[in-house]
Protein backbone atom coordinates (compact mmCIF):
# COMPACT_ATOMS: atom_id res chain seq x y z
CA VAL A 1 -25.14 -10.31 -14.32
CA SER A 2 -25.36 -6.66 -15.35
CA PHE A 3 -25.19 -3.85 -12.81
CA GLY A 4 -25.40 -1.04 -15.34
CA PRO A 5 -22.63 1.54 -15.62
CA GLY A 6 -19.83 1.21 -13.11
CA ALA A 7 -18.39 -1.66 -11.11
CA PRO A 8 -20.61 -4.04 -9.15
CA PRO A 9 -20.88 -3.61 -5.38
CA PRO A 10 -18.37 -5.59 -3.31
CA ILE A 11 -21.19 -7.58 -1.69
CA PHE A 12 -24.43 -8.59 -3.42
CA ASN A 13 -27.00 -11.39 -3.27
CA LEU A 14 -28.30 -13.24 -6.31
CA ASP A 15 -30.75 -16.16 -6.23
CA GLY A 16 -30.08 -16.81 -2.55
CA VAL A 17 -26.28 -16.84 -2.94
CA SER A 18 -24.18 -14.03 -1.47
CA TYR A 19 -21.15 -12.93 -3.49
CA THR A 20 -18.28 -11.04 -1.85
CA PHE A 21 -15.11 -9.91 -3.58
CA VAL A 22 -12.05 -7.73 -3.14
CA LYS A 23 -9.78 -6.45 -5.89
CA LYS A 24 -6.02 -6.49 -5.43
CA ASN A 25 -3.55 -5.57 -8.18
CA GLY A 26 -6.16 -6.16 -10.87
CA LEU A 27 -7.11 -9.61 -9.49
CA TYR A 28 -10.53 -10.49 -8.11
CA PHE A 29 -10.71 -12.65 -4.98
CA VAL A 30 -14.28 -13.92 -4.71
CA ALA A 31 -16.14 -15.85 -2.02
CA THR A 32 -19.66 -17.25 -2.27
CA THR A 33 -21.93 -18.47 0.49
CA GLY A 34 -25.51 -19.54 0.93
CA GLN A 35 -25.42 -18.97 4.69
CA ASN A 36 -25.93 -15.83 6.76
CA VAL A 37 -22.33 -14.90 7.54
CA SER A 38 -20.69 -11.64 8.54
CA PRO A 39 -19.74 -9.67 5.40
CA CYS A 40 -16.85 -8.00 7.22
CA ALA A 41 -15.43 -11.39 8.18
CA VAL A 42 -15.51 -12.56 4.54
CA VAL A 43 -13.85 -9.36 3.30
CA GLU A 44 -11.17 -9.69 5.98
CA LEU A 45 -10.58 -13.32 5.03
CA LEU A 46 -10.17 -12.47 1.34
CA SER A 47 -7.78 -9.63 2.16
CA LYS A 48 -5.70 -11.93 4.37
CA MET A 49 -5.63 -14.54 1.60
CA ALA A 50 -4.29 -12.00 -0.87
CA LYS A 51 -1.55 -11.08 1.61
CA VAL A 52 -0.60 -14.74 2.12
CA PHE A 53 -0.42 -15.32 -1.65
CA LYS A 54 1.90 -12.34 -1.95
CA ASP A 55 4.10 -13.59 0.88
CA PHE A 56 4.55 -17.05 -0.65
CA CYS A 57 4.68 -16.01 -4.33
CA GLY A 58 6.74 -12.89 -3.81
CA VAL A 59 4.59 -10.72 -6.07
CA LEU A 60 0.84 -10.67 -6.54
CA ASN A 61 -0.16 -10.59 -10.21
CA GLU A 62 -1.77 -12.81 -12.81
CA GLU A 63 1.49 -14.41 -13.92
CA SER A 64 2.62 -15.32 -10.40
CA ILE A 65 -0.76 -16.91 -9.60
CA ARG A 66 -0.71 -18.88 -12.84
CA LYS A 67 2.86 -20.17 -12.42
CA ASN A 68 2.31 -21.00 -8.73
CA PHE A 69 -1.14 -22.54 -9.15
CA VAL A 70 -0.22 -25.70 -7.21
CA LEU A 71 1.24 -23.63 -4.37
CA VAL A 72 -1.85 -21.38 -4.25
CA TYR A 73 -4.14 -24.43 -4.23
CA GLU A 74 -2.17 -25.90 -1.31
CA LEU A 75 -2.42 -22.60 0.57
CA LEU A 76 -6.18 -22.50 0.02
CA ASP A 77 -6.50 -26.06 1.30
CA GLU A 78 -4.67 -25.13 4.50
CA MET A 79 -6.40 -21.78 5.09
CA VAL A 80 -9.99 -22.95 4.55
CA ASP A 81 -11.35 -26.36 5.51
CA PHE A 82 -14.90 -27.29 4.44
CA GLY A 83 -15.73 -23.60 4.13
CA HIS A 84 -14.45 -22.73 7.61
CA PRO A 85 -11.38 -20.45 7.93
CA GLN A 86 -8.53 -22.13 9.81
CA THR A 87 -5.49 -19.83 9.73
CA THR A 88 -4.06 -17.02 7.62
CA ASN A 89 -0.82 -16.69 9.58
CA THR A 90 2.18 -16.89 7.26
CA GLU A 91 4.42 -18.19 10.03
CA HIS A 92 2.04 -21.08 10.80
CA LEU A 93 1.51 -21.92 7.14
CA LYS A 94 5.25 -22.26 6.41
CA SER A 95 5.35 -25.54 8.35
CA CYS A 96 2.40 -26.93 6.35
CA ILE A 97 3.44 -25.93 2.81
CA HIS A 98 5.74 -28.25 0.85
CA ASN A 99 5.58 -26.80 -2.68
CA GLU A 100 8.28 -24.42 -3.81
CA ALA A 101 7.46 -21.05 -5.34
CA VAL A 102 8.32 -20.09 -8.91
CA VAL A 103 9.95 -16.67 -8.82
CA VAL A 104 8.34 -14.16 -11.18
CA GLU A 105 10.41 -11.12 -12.08
CA THR A 106 8.61 -7.82 -11.67
CA PRO A 107 8.88 -5.35 -14.56
CA LYS A 108 11.32 -2.55 -13.91
CA PRO A 109 9.86 0.96 -14.18
CA MET A 110 11.20 2.98 -17.10
CA LEU A 111 11.87 6.09 -15.06
CA ASN A 112 14.84 8.41 -15.20
CA LEU A 113 15.37 8.75 -11.47
CA PRO A 114 18.58 9.78 -9.71
CA GLN A 115 20.86 7.16 -8.20
CA TRP A 116 19.62 5.58 -5.00
CA ASN A 117 21.39 6.02 -1.73
CA PRO A 118 23.78 3.04 -1.26
CA LYS A 119 21.79 2.03 1.83
CA THR A 120 18.46 2.33 0.04
CA VAL A 121 16.99 -0.27 -2.30
CA PRO A 122 13.93 0.04 -4.57
CA SER A 123 10.60 -1.15 -3.24
CA ASN A 124 10.55 -4.23 -5.52
CA ALA A 125 13.42 -5.69 -3.46
CA VAL A 126 10.83 -7.20 -1.11
CA HIS A 127 9.19 -9.11 -3.99
CA ARG A 128 10.76 -12.35 -2.87
CA PRO A 129 8.91 -15.38 -1.48
CA VAL A 130 9.28 -16.12 2.21
CA GLY A 131 9.58 -19.87 1.57
CA PRO A 132 11.82 -22.01 -0.64
CA THR A 133 11.89 -21.32 -4.37
CA GLN A 134 12.68 -23.35 -7.47
CA ASN A 135 15.98 -22.86 -9.32
CA ASP A 136 17.21 -20.41 -6.72
CA SER A 137 20.95 -20.85 -6.43
CA ARG A 138 21.56 -17.51 -4.72
CA SER A 139 22.76 -17.63 -1.14
CA LYS A 140 20.18 -16.61 1.42
CA LYS A 141 20.91 -13.26 3.02
CA ASN A 142 19.96 -12.01 6.44
CA GLU A 143 17.94 -8.98 5.35
CA VAL A 144 15.12 -6.89 6.68
CA PHE A 145 13.25 -4.28 4.63
CA VAL A 146 11.44 -1.29 6.09
CA ASP A 147 9.08 0.91 4.05
CA ILE A 148 7.25 4.01 5.22
CA LEU A 149 4.04 4.43 3.23
CA GLU A 150 1.94 7.56 3.57
CA ARG A 151 -1.37 8.53 1.99
CA ILE A 152 -1.89 12.29 1.99
CA THR A 153 -5.47 13.54 1.66
CA VAL A 154 -5.76 17.26 0.95
CA LEU A 155 -8.84 19.33 0.14
CA MET A 156 -8.03 22.62 -1.61
CA SER A 157 -10.20 25.56 -2.56
CA SER A 158 -10.41 26.88 -6.12
CA ASN A 159 -7.56 29.32 -5.45
CA GLY A 160 -5.20 26.66 -4.06
CA VAL A 161 -5.72 27.29 -0.33
CA VAL A 162 -5.66 24.13 1.81
CA VAL A 163 -9.05 23.60 3.50
CA ASN A 164 -8.46 20.22 5.11
CA SER A 165 -5.49 17.85 5.20
CA ALA A 166 -4.55 14.53 6.78
CA ILE A 167 -1.79 11.92 6.59
CA ASP A 168 -2.45 8.21 7.03
CA GLY A 169 0.90 6.46 7.41
CA SER A 170 2.16 2.94 7.94
CA ILE A 171 5.58 1.46 8.73
CA GLN A 172 5.75 -1.78 6.73
CA MET A 173 8.38 -4.41 7.35
CA LYS A 174 9.36 -7.67 5.71
CA SER A 175 11.98 -9.84 7.38
CA TYR A 176 14.23 -12.49 5.85
CA LEU A 177 16.30 -12.93 9.02
CA MET A 178 17.34 -16.38 10.17
CA GLY A 179 16.66 -17.48 13.73
CA ASN A 180 13.90 -14.94 14.48
CA PRO A 181 16.04 -12.42 16.44
CA GLN A 182 14.67 -9.51 18.43
CA LEU A 183 14.63 -6.19 16.60
CA LYS A 184 14.43 -2.64 17.91
CA LEU A 185 13.12 0.24 15.85
CA ALA A 186 13.95 3.72 17.16
CA LEU A 187 11.60 6.54 16.17
CA ASN A 188 11.90 10.31 16.43
CA GLU A 189 12.40 11.23 20.08
CA ASP A 190 10.06 14.23 19.69
CA ILE A 191 7.04 12.12 18.73
CA GLN A 192 3.97 12.94 20.78
CA ILE A 193 0.45 11.50 20.76
CA LYS A 194 -2.60 13.66 21.35
CA ASN A 195 -4.37 13.19 24.68
CA GLN A 196 -1.54 10.95 25.92
CA THR A 197 1.34 11.77 28.24
CA LEU A 198 4.65 10.27 27.19
CA GLY A 199 8.04 10.56 28.83
CA GLY A 200 11.16 11.96 27.22
CA PRO A 201 11.46 15.34 25.46
CA HIS A 202 8.33 17.36 24.80
CA GLY A 203 7.60 19.76 21.96
CA GLY A 204 10.39 21.76 20.43
CA TYR A 205 11.21 22.57 16.83
CA GLY A 206 10.54 19.67 14.47
CA ALA A 207 8.30 17.80 16.92
CA VAL A 208 5.76 15.41 15.39
CA THR A 209 2.31 15.08 16.96
CA LEU A 210 0.25 12.03 16.04
CA ASP A 211 -3.53 12.14 16.31
CA ASP A 212 -3.65 8.39 16.94
CA CYS A 213 -1.63 5.28 16.23
CA ASN A 214 -1.75 1.50 16.65
CA PHE A 215 0.88 -1.23 16.63
CA HIS A 216 1.24 -4.82 15.51
CA GLU A 217 0.49 -7.44 18.12
CA CYS A 218 4.15 -8.54 18.22
CA VAL A 219 5.40 -5.07 19.27
CA ASP A 220 6.56 -4.57 22.87
CA LEU A 221 5.75 -1.00 23.94
CA GLN A 222 7.68 -1.10 27.21
CA GLU A 223 10.34 1.32 25.93
CA PHE A 224 8.10 3.42 23.70
CA GLY A 225 6.97 5.85 26.41
CA ASP A 226 10.47 7.07 27.34
CA MET A 227 12.78 6.06 24.47
CA ARG A 228 10.32 5.95 21.51
CA THR A 229 11.71 2.49 20.74
CA LEU A 230 9.69 -0.47 19.43
CA SER A 231 10.93 -3.95 20.35
CA PHE A 232 9.57 -7.00 18.56
CA TYR A 233 10.28 -10.42 17.10
CA PRO A 234 9.34 -10.04 13.43
CA PRO A 235 6.93 -12.67 12.10
CA ASP A 236 7.30 -14.16 8.63
CA GLY A 237 5.90 -12.22 5.71
CA GLU A 238 5.05 -8.58 5.33
CA PHE A 239 3.37 -6.80 8.23
CA ALA A 240 2.63 -3.30 9.48
CA VAL A 241 4.71 -2.46 12.54
CA MET A 242 2.83 0.77 13.17
CA ASN A 243 -0.08 2.71 11.69
CA TYR A 244 -0.55 6.40 12.44
CA ARG A 245 -2.64 9.41 11.47
CA ILE A 246 -1.72 13.10 11.42
CA THR A 247 -4.10 16.02 10.84
CA GLY A 248 -3.42 19.71 10.87
CA ASP A 249 -1.06 22.01 9.04
CA PHE A 250 1.84 20.50 7.11
CA ARG A 251 3.63 21.18 3.87
CA VAL A 252 1.79 19.50 1.02
CA PRO A 253 4.03 18.08 -1.73
CA PHE A 254 1.98 19.44 -4.65
CA ARG A 255 -0.12 22.50 -5.33
CA ILE A 256 -3.09 22.19 -7.68
CA GLN A 257 -4.76 25.15 -9.37
CA PRO A 258 -7.76 24.71 -11.71
CA PHE A 259 -8.81 27.23 -14.34
CA VAL A 260 -12.17 27.12 -16.16
CA GLU A 261 -12.83 29.30 -19.19
CA GLN A 262 -16.02 29.30 -21.23
CA GLN A 263 -14.84 30.10 -24.76
CA THR A 264 -18.22 29.72 -26.49
CA PRO A 265 -21.75 28.89 -25.27
CA HIS A 266 -21.02 25.26 -26.17
CA LYS A 267 -17.30 24.98 -25.36
CA ILE A 268 -15.46 25.02 -22.03
CA GLU A 269 -11.69 24.79 -21.59
CA ILE A 270 -10.41 23.37 -18.30
CA THR A 271 -6.75 23.80 -17.33
CA ILE A 272 -5.26 22.05 -14.30
CA LYS A 273 -1.83 23.19 -13.16
CA VAL A 274 0.19 20.98 -10.81
CA ARG A 275 3.27 22.47 -9.15
CA ALA A 276 5.70 20.48 -7.03
CA ASP A 277 6.30 22.12 -3.66
CA ILE A 278 8.97 19.79 -2.32
CA PRO A 279 12.60 20.48 -1.36
CA GLU A 280 15.16 20.45 -4.18
CA GLN A 281 17.00 17.45 -2.75
CA ASN A 282 13.82 15.35 -3.07
CA ASN A 283 12.01 14.23 -6.19
CA GLY A 284 8.75 12.64 -7.21
CA GLY A 285 8.68 9.66 -9.55
CA ASN A 286 5.83 8.05 -11.46
CA VAL A 287 3.43 10.87 -10.60
CA GLN A 288 -0.11 10.21 -11.84
CA VAL A 289 -2.84 12.82 -12.15
CA THR A 290 -6.40 11.51 -12.49
CA CYS A 291 -9.30 13.77 -13.44
CA MET A 292 -12.94 12.82 -14.02
CA LEU A 293 -14.27 14.32 -17.25
CA PRO A 294 -17.65 14.00 -19.01
CA LYS A 295 -18.05 11.75 -22.02
CA SER A 296 -18.48 14.80 -24.26
CA THR A 297 -14.82 15.77 -23.75
CA ALA A 298 -13.28 16.50 -27.16
CA THR A 299 -9.50 16.60 -26.64
CA VAL A 300 -6.96 16.29 -23.83
CA SER A 301 -3.34 17.46 -23.88
CA ASN A 302 -0.52 17.82 -21.37
CA THR A 303 2.64 19.92 -21.21
CA LEU A 304 5.67 20.01 -18.93
CA GLY A 305 7.52 23.03 -17.68
CA PRO A 306 11.16 23.82 -18.48
CA VAL A 307 12.61 20.58 -17.13
CA SER A 308 15.02 18.07 -18.63
CA GLY A 309 15.02 14.29 -18.52
CA GLN A 310 11.29 13.99 -17.87
CA SER A 311 8.31 13.01 -19.98
CA ALA A 312 4.54 12.84 -19.65
CA GLU A 313 1.79 11.01 -21.49
CA TYR A 314 -2.00 10.92 -21.43
CA LEU A 315 -3.73 7.58 -20.86
CA ALA A 316 -7.46 7.45 -21.48
CA ASN A 317 -9.41 5.42 -18.96
CA ASP A 318 -12.00 2.94 -20.19
């Protein structure tokens, strides 16, 4: 089936069959149906399946799916029965799954980053299956991993002035604790939520105001109003403890300035300057800059400022 230039739509109908797919880490998860079903429900089911595969395989890529094909097939058999979704809860599936996962090592990034804080581990530390694994002689540790992921959306004018900005954040957690103990996560005491009245301190220097937020179903909010503390019993697998959104003025990590110069009637030179505007004690690693250019682009080059121990390369997109 050809859809012309560009990727096909996530949902399309062909010869009376509806095709729905999601793309995760370069893998396509596809569902087909000849019935009139809710597209949102199918997309949600496929997204939950991808999460379950990652929980049980440790990492979601082509190699892990291939080496754990029997495990993935067993998971599919438990999650969907005769085309009807049954459960996508990792905690419920652990009691039904008997195959052991084959651990696939994730490639280490070739980055010259400073040494981590002794209490901080790289993000690939959570790439470990939640269930039993083959040839795993290492002792099981009582560990819990917490990641704060933020997506910053900033609209700048041609002279670098911020027009609109927003932060969509999530507190992700993955627990390997034995016995399912109760955990408490203490947040900044100065956190406030718009249009809501919370106890505790109000305002002040360094206060954080959230436009809106939501919590995982396992979180007990009894102490959040006064103490800004989240109490919960962590479920198996990776889950989002809290999602939040912030709009307004904040310090953006990078400044982007474009320059367009028409050298001849048939030649235009575009220069994009990116300047890091972050504190000296922080650093950015694996920074990627993507720019859409016409097919008539002749050459592309990149240069770095007077810095040491860093490198940059240009990768052409297909």
